[in-house]
N, C-alpha and C. Protein backbone atom coordinates (compact mmCIF):
# COMPACT_ATOMS: atom_id res chain seq x y z
N UNK A 1 34.58 35.53 20.85
CA UNK A 1 33.85 34.46 20.19
C UNK A 1 33.89 33.22 21.07
N UNK A 2 32.68 32.61 21.27
CA UNK A 2 32.58 31.41 22.10
C UNK A 2 33.08 30.19 21.34
N UNK A 3 33.79 29.32 22.03
CA UNK A 3 34.18 28.07 21.36
C UNK A 3 32.95 27.19 21.16
N UNK A 4 32.92 26.49 20.04
CA UNK A 4 31.78 25.61 19.74
C UNK A 4 31.87 24.36 20.60
N UNK A 5 30.70 23.95 21.06
CA UNK A 5 30.65 22.71 21.83
C UNK A 5 30.67 21.53 20.86
N UNK A 6 31.44 20.57 21.22
CA UNK A 6 31.45 19.36 20.41
C UNK A 6 30.78 18.26 21.22
N UNK A 7 30.09 17.41 20.54
CA UNK A 7 29.42 16.30 21.20
C UNK A 7 30.22 15.04 20.98
N UNK A 8 30.35 14.31 22.02
CA UNK A 8 30.97 13.00 21.89
C UNK A 8 29.93 11.97 22.28
N UNK A 9 29.89 10.93 21.56
CA UNK A 9 28.93 9.87 21.83
C UNK A 9 29.64 8.77 22.61
N UNK A 10 28.98 8.37 23.67
CA UNK A 10 29.56 7.33 24.51
C UNK A 10 29.60 5.99 23.78
N UNK A 11 28.52 5.71 23.06
CA UNK A 11 28.43 4.44 22.35
C UNK A 11 28.15 4.73 20.88
N UNK A 12 28.85 4.08 20.05
CA UNK A 12 28.61 4.21 18.62
C UNK A 12 28.39 2.80 18.10
N UNK A 13 27.17 2.55 17.66
CA UNK A 13 26.84 1.22 17.17
C UNK A 13 27.00 1.20 15.65
N UNK A 14 27.86 0.38 15.20
CA UNK A 14 28.09 0.23 13.77
C UNK A 14 27.59 -1.15 13.36
N UNK A 15 26.74 -1.17 12.38
CA UNK A 15 26.19 -2.44 11.90
C UNK A 15 27.20 -3.14 11.00
N UNK A 16 27.24 -4.43 11.12
CA UNK A 16 28.07 -5.22 10.23
C UNK A 16 27.35 -5.35 8.89
N UNK A 17 28.04 -5.84 7.91
CA UNK A 17 27.44 -6.04 6.60
C UNK A 17 26.26 -7.00 6.68
N UNK A 18 26.42 -8.03 7.47
CA UNK A 18 25.35 -9.02 7.62
C UNK A 18 24.13 -8.41 8.30
N UNK A 19 24.35 -7.60 9.32
CA UNK A 19 23.24 -6.94 10.00
C UNK A 19 22.53 -5.97 9.06
N UNK A 20 23.29 -5.25 8.26
CA UNK A 20 22.70 -4.32 7.29
C UNK A 20 21.86 -5.07 6.27
N UNK A 21 22.35 -6.21 5.85
CA UNK A 21 21.61 -7.03 4.88
C UNK A 21 20.27 -7.48 5.47
N UNK A 22 20.28 -7.89 6.73
CA UNK A 22 19.04 -8.32 7.39
C UNK A 22 18.07 -7.16 7.55
N UNK A 23 18.61 -5.98 7.88
CA UNK A 23 17.76 -4.79 8.00
C UNK A 23 17.14 -4.41 6.66
N UNK A 24 17.91 -4.53 5.59
CA UNK A 24 17.39 -4.23 4.26
C UNK A 24 16.28 -5.21 3.87
N UNK A 25 16.46 -6.49 4.22
CA UNK A 25 15.43 -7.49 3.94
C UNK A 25 14.15 -7.18 4.70
N UNK A 26 14.29 -6.81 5.98
CA UNK A 26 13.11 -6.46 6.77
C UNK A 26 12.42 -5.22 6.20
N UNK A 27 13.22 -4.26 5.79
CA UNK A 27 12.68 -3.04 5.20
C UNK A 27 11.89 -3.35 3.94
N UNK A 28 12.44 -4.20 3.07
CA UNK A 28 11.76 -4.62 1.85
C UNK A 28 10.43 -5.31 2.17
N UNK A 29 10.50 -6.18 3.17
CA UNK A 29 9.32 -6.95 3.58
C UNK A 29 8.19 -6.02 4.01
N UNK A 30 8.50 -5.08 4.91
CA UNK A 30 7.45 -4.20 5.43
C UNK A 30 7.01 -3.15 4.42
N UNK A 31 7.89 -2.75 3.53
CA UNK A 31 7.47 -1.83 2.45
C UNK A 31 6.48 -2.53 1.52
N UNK A 32 6.71 -3.83 1.31
CA UNK A 32 5.80 -4.59 0.44
C UNK A 32 4.40 -4.66 1.04
N UNK A 33 4.31 -4.60 2.35
CA UNK A 33 3.00 -4.65 3.01
C UNK A 33 2.33 -3.28 3.08
N UNK A 34 3.01 -2.26 2.57
CA UNK A 34 2.51 -0.89 2.70
C UNK A 34 1.66 -0.41 1.55
N UNK A 35 1.05 -1.29 0.80
CA UNK A 35 0.22 -0.88 -0.32
C UNK A 35 -1.09 -1.67 -0.29
N UNK A 36 -2.19 -1.00 -0.55
CA UNK A 36 -3.51 -1.63 -0.48
C UNK A 36 -3.67 -2.76 -1.51
N UNK A 37 -3.18 -2.55 -2.71
CA UNK A 37 -3.32 -3.59 -3.75
C UNK A 37 -2.52 -4.83 -3.35
N UNK A 38 -1.33 -4.64 -2.83
CA UNK A 38 -0.52 -5.79 -2.42
C UNK A 38 -1.17 -6.51 -1.24
N UNK A 39 -1.77 -5.78 -0.34
CA UNK A 39 -2.48 -6.42 0.77
C UNK A 39 -3.69 -7.21 0.27
N UNK A 40 -4.37 -6.69 -0.76
CA UNK A 40 -5.49 -7.43 -1.35
C UNK A 40 -4.99 -8.72 -2.00
N UNK A 41 -3.86 -8.64 -2.68
CA UNK A 41 -3.28 -9.84 -3.31
C UNK A 41 -2.95 -10.87 -2.24
N UNK A 42 -2.29 -10.44 -1.18
CA UNK A 42 -1.91 -11.35 -0.10
C UNK A 42 -3.16 -11.96 0.53
N UNK A 43 -4.15 -11.14 0.80
CA UNK A 43 -5.39 -11.62 1.42
C UNK A 43 -6.06 -12.68 0.55
N UNK A 44 -6.13 -12.43 -0.74
CA UNK A 44 -6.76 -13.38 -1.66
C UNK A 44 -5.97 -14.69 -1.73
N UNK A 45 -4.65 -14.58 -1.82
CA UNK A 45 -3.81 -15.78 -1.90
C UNK A 45 -3.83 -16.59 -0.61
N UNK A 46 -4.00 -15.90 0.53
CA UNK A 46 -4.07 -16.61 1.82
C UNK A 46 -5.29 -17.54 1.86
N UNK A 47 -6.33 -17.18 1.16
CA UNK A 47 -7.58 -17.97 1.17
C UNK A 47 -7.53 -19.16 0.21
N UNK A 48 -6.54 -19.17 -0.67
CA UNK A 48 -6.46 -20.22 -1.69
C UNK A 48 -5.42 -21.27 -1.31
N UNK A 49 -5.76 -22.53 -1.61
CA UNK A 49 -4.83 -23.63 -1.35
C UNK A 49 -3.89 -23.87 -2.53
N UNK A 50 -4.38 -23.62 -3.72
CA UNK A 50 -3.58 -23.84 -4.93
C UNK A 50 -3.06 -22.50 -5.46
N UNK A 51 -1.98 -22.52 -6.23
CA UNK A 51 -1.48 -21.27 -6.84
C UNK A 51 -2.53 -20.64 -7.75
N UNK A 52 -2.50 -19.32 -7.82
CA UNK A 52 -3.48 -18.56 -8.60
C UNK A 52 -2.76 -17.80 -9.70
N UNK A 53 -3.37 -17.77 -10.88
CA UNK A 53 -2.81 -17.07 -12.03
C UNK A 53 -2.99 -15.55 -11.87
N UNK A 54 -2.06 -14.79 -12.41
CA UNK A 54 -2.15 -13.33 -12.36
C UNK A 54 -3.42 -12.83 -13.06
N UNK A 55 -3.82 -13.50 -14.13
CA UNK A 55 -5.04 -13.08 -14.83
C UNK A 55 -6.27 -13.20 -13.91
N UNK A 56 -6.30 -14.25 -13.07
CA UNK A 56 -7.40 -14.40 -12.12
C UNK A 56 -7.33 -13.32 -11.03
N UNK A 57 -6.11 -13.04 -10.57
CA UNK A 57 -5.94 -11.98 -9.56
C UNK A 57 -6.42 -10.64 -10.10
N UNK A 58 -6.12 -10.36 -11.36
CA UNK A 58 -6.52 -9.07 -11.94
C UNK A 58 -8.04 -8.94 -12.02
N UNK A 59 -8.73 -10.05 -12.26
CA UNK A 59 -10.20 -10.02 -12.30
C UNK A 59 -10.78 -9.79 -10.91
N UNK A 60 -10.23 -10.45 -9.92
CA UNK A 60 -10.73 -10.36 -8.56
C UNK A 60 -10.46 -8.97 -7.97
N UNK A 61 -9.27 -8.46 -8.19
CA UNK A 61 -8.87 -7.17 -7.61
C UNK A 61 -9.28 -6.00 -8.50
N UNK A 62 -9.70 -6.31 -9.70
CA UNK A 62 -10.18 -5.31 -10.66
C UNK A 62 -9.09 -4.29 -11.02
N UNK A 63 -7.93 -4.83 -11.37
CA UNK A 63 -6.81 -4.02 -11.84
C UNK A 63 -6.25 -4.67 -13.09
N UNK A 64 -5.55 -3.89 -13.88
CA UNK A 64 -4.92 -4.40 -15.10
C UNK A 64 -3.88 -5.46 -14.74
N UNK A 65 -3.75 -6.51 -15.55
CA UNK A 65 -2.75 -7.55 -15.26
C UNK A 65 -1.32 -7.02 -15.14
N UNK A 66 -0.99 -5.97 -15.88
CA UNK A 66 0.37 -5.41 -15.78
C UNK A 66 0.61 -4.79 -14.40
N UNK A 67 -0.44 -4.20 -13.82
CA UNK A 67 -0.34 -3.63 -12.47
C UNK A 67 -0.16 -4.76 -11.46
N UNK A 68 -0.95 -5.80 -11.61
CA UNK A 68 -0.86 -6.96 -10.71
C UNK A 68 0.53 -7.60 -10.82
N UNK A 69 1.03 -7.71 -12.04
CA UNK A 69 2.36 -8.30 -12.24
C UNK A 69 3.43 -7.52 -11.49
N UNK A 70 3.35 -6.19 -11.58
CA UNK A 70 4.35 -5.34 -10.90
C UNK A 70 4.28 -5.55 -9.38
N UNK A 71 3.07 -5.62 -8.85
CA UNK A 71 2.91 -5.84 -7.41
C UNK A 71 3.37 -7.24 -7.00
N UNK A 72 3.11 -8.22 -7.84
CA UNK A 72 3.55 -9.59 -7.56
C UNK A 72 5.07 -9.65 -7.53
N UNK A 73 5.73 -8.94 -8.44
CA UNK A 73 7.20 -8.91 -8.45
C UNK A 73 7.74 -8.33 -7.15
N UNK A 74 7.14 -7.26 -6.66
CA UNK A 74 7.57 -6.66 -5.40
C UNK A 74 7.37 -7.62 -4.22
N UNK A 75 6.23 -8.30 -4.21
CA UNK A 75 5.96 -9.27 -3.16
C UNK A 75 6.92 -10.45 -3.23
N UNK A 76 7.26 -10.85 -4.43
CA UNK A 76 8.21 -11.95 -4.62
C UNK A 76 9.60 -11.53 -4.15
N UNK A 77 10.03 -10.33 -4.52
CA UNK A 77 11.33 -9.83 -4.08
C UNK A 77 11.43 -9.70 -2.57
N UNK A 78 10.29 -9.43 -1.93
CA UNK A 78 10.26 -9.29 -0.47
C UNK A 78 10.18 -10.64 0.23
N UNK A 79 10.02 -11.72 -0.54
CA UNK A 79 9.98 -13.06 0.03
C UNK A 79 8.63 -13.45 0.59
N UNK A 80 7.59 -12.75 0.19
CA UNK A 80 6.25 -13.03 0.72
C UNK A 80 5.53 -14.08 -0.11
N UNK A 81 5.67 -14.00 -1.42
CA UNK A 81 5.01 -14.98 -2.28
C UNK A 81 6.03 -15.67 -3.17
N UNK A 82 5.61 -16.77 -3.72
CA UNK A 82 6.43 -17.44 -4.74
C UNK A 82 5.63 -17.42 -6.04
N UNK A 83 6.32 -17.24 -7.12
CA UNK A 83 5.67 -17.18 -8.43
C UNK A 83 6.43 -18.09 -9.38
N UNK A 84 5.69 -18.90 -10.11
CA UNK A 84 6.32 -19.80 -11.08
C UNK A 84 5.52 -19.82 -12.36
N UNK A 85 6.25 -19.93 -13.45
CA UNK A 85 5.60 -19.95 -14.76
C UNK A 85 5.03 -21.32 -15.04
N UNK A 86 3.83 -21.33 -15.56
CA UNK A 86 3.18 -22.55 -16.03
C UNK A 86 2.73 -22.27 -17.45
N UNK A 87 3.55 -22.68 -18.41
CA UNK A 87 3.38 -22.32 -19.82
C UNK A 87 3.44 -20.80 -19.95
N UNK A 88 2.35 -20.17 -20.36
CA UNK A 88 2.37 -18.71 -20.50
C UNK A 88 1.75 -17.99 -19.30
N UNK A 89 1.38 -18.74 -18.27
CA UNK A 89 0.74 -18.17 -17.08
C UNK A 89 1.74 -18.08 -15.93
N UNK A 90 1.61 -17.04 -15.13
CA UNK A 90 2.42 -16.88 -13.94
C UNK A 90 1.54 -17.21 -12.74
N UNK A 91 1.88 -18.28 -12.05
CA UNK A 91 1.09 -18.77 -10.93
C UNK A 91 1.71 -18.29 -9.62
N UNK A 92 0.87 -17.77 -8.71
CA UNK A 92 1.36 -17.19 -7.46
C UNK A 92 0.74 -17.88 -6.26
N UNK A 93 1.54 -17.98 -5.20
CA UNK A 93 1.04 -18.50 -3.93
C UNK A 93 1.88 -17.91 -2.80
N UNK A 94 1.36 -17.98 -1.60
CA UNK A 94 2.06 -17.46 -0.43
C UNK A 94 3.18 -18.45 -0.07
N UNK A 95 4.36 -17.91 0.22
CA UNK A 95 5.50 -18.75 0.57
C UNK A 95 5.33 -19.43 1.92
N UNK A 96 4.99 -18.66 2.94
CA UNK A 96 4.85 -19.18 4.30
C UNK A 96 3.56 -18.63 4.91
N UNK A 97 2.47 -19.38 4.77
CA UNK A 97 1.15 -18.91 5.21
C UNK A 97 1.08 -18.67 6.72
N UNK A 98 1.79 -19.47 7.48
CA UNK A 98 1.75 -19.32 8.94
C UNK A 98 2.39 -18.01 9.36
N UNK A 99 3.54 -17.71 8.79
CA UNK A 99 4.26 -16.48 9.13
C UNK A 99 3.45 -15.24 8.70
N UNK A 100 2.98 -15.24 7.48
CA UNK A 100 2.21 -14.09 6.97
C UNK A 100 0.88 -13.96 7.68
N UNK A 101 0.23 -15.09 7.93
CA UNK A 101 -1.04 -15.07 8.66
C UNK A 101 -0.89 -14.48 10.05
N UNK A 102 0.20 -14.83 10.73
CA UNK A 102 0.46 -14.29 12.05
C UNK A 102 0.69 -12.79 12.05
N UNK A 103 1.33 -12.28 11.00
CA UNK A 103 1.60 -10.85 10.90
C UNK A 103 0.36 -10.04 10.56
N UNK A 104 -0.56 -10.63 9.82
CA UNK A 104 -1.72 -9.89 9.34
C UNK A 104 -2.95 -9.99 10.25
N UNK A 105 -2.84 -10.73 11.32
CA UNK A 105 -4.00 -10.85 12.23
C UNK A 105 -4.20 -9.59 13.02
């Protein structure tokens, strides 16, 4: 019976907790850009100077407000948009238009 070959790695890169956290944030960010509806939301918000209500987004994108809300939450968690309540309305806008604009060109 032949002895099994073992592999040894010359370099083993172990990420620190902080590096892992940054990688997770980047992963969240790029996953948020991986959906057509979310890209439509971002595109529409990039064209607006003032915050836009989810009800208006649902009319423009032609999706149910609950679907838009779910996508807005994902975009908010990824740090792409900011959302704030105005009475019973949820108003959305892009957090950093320069950064997002540069990525989407």
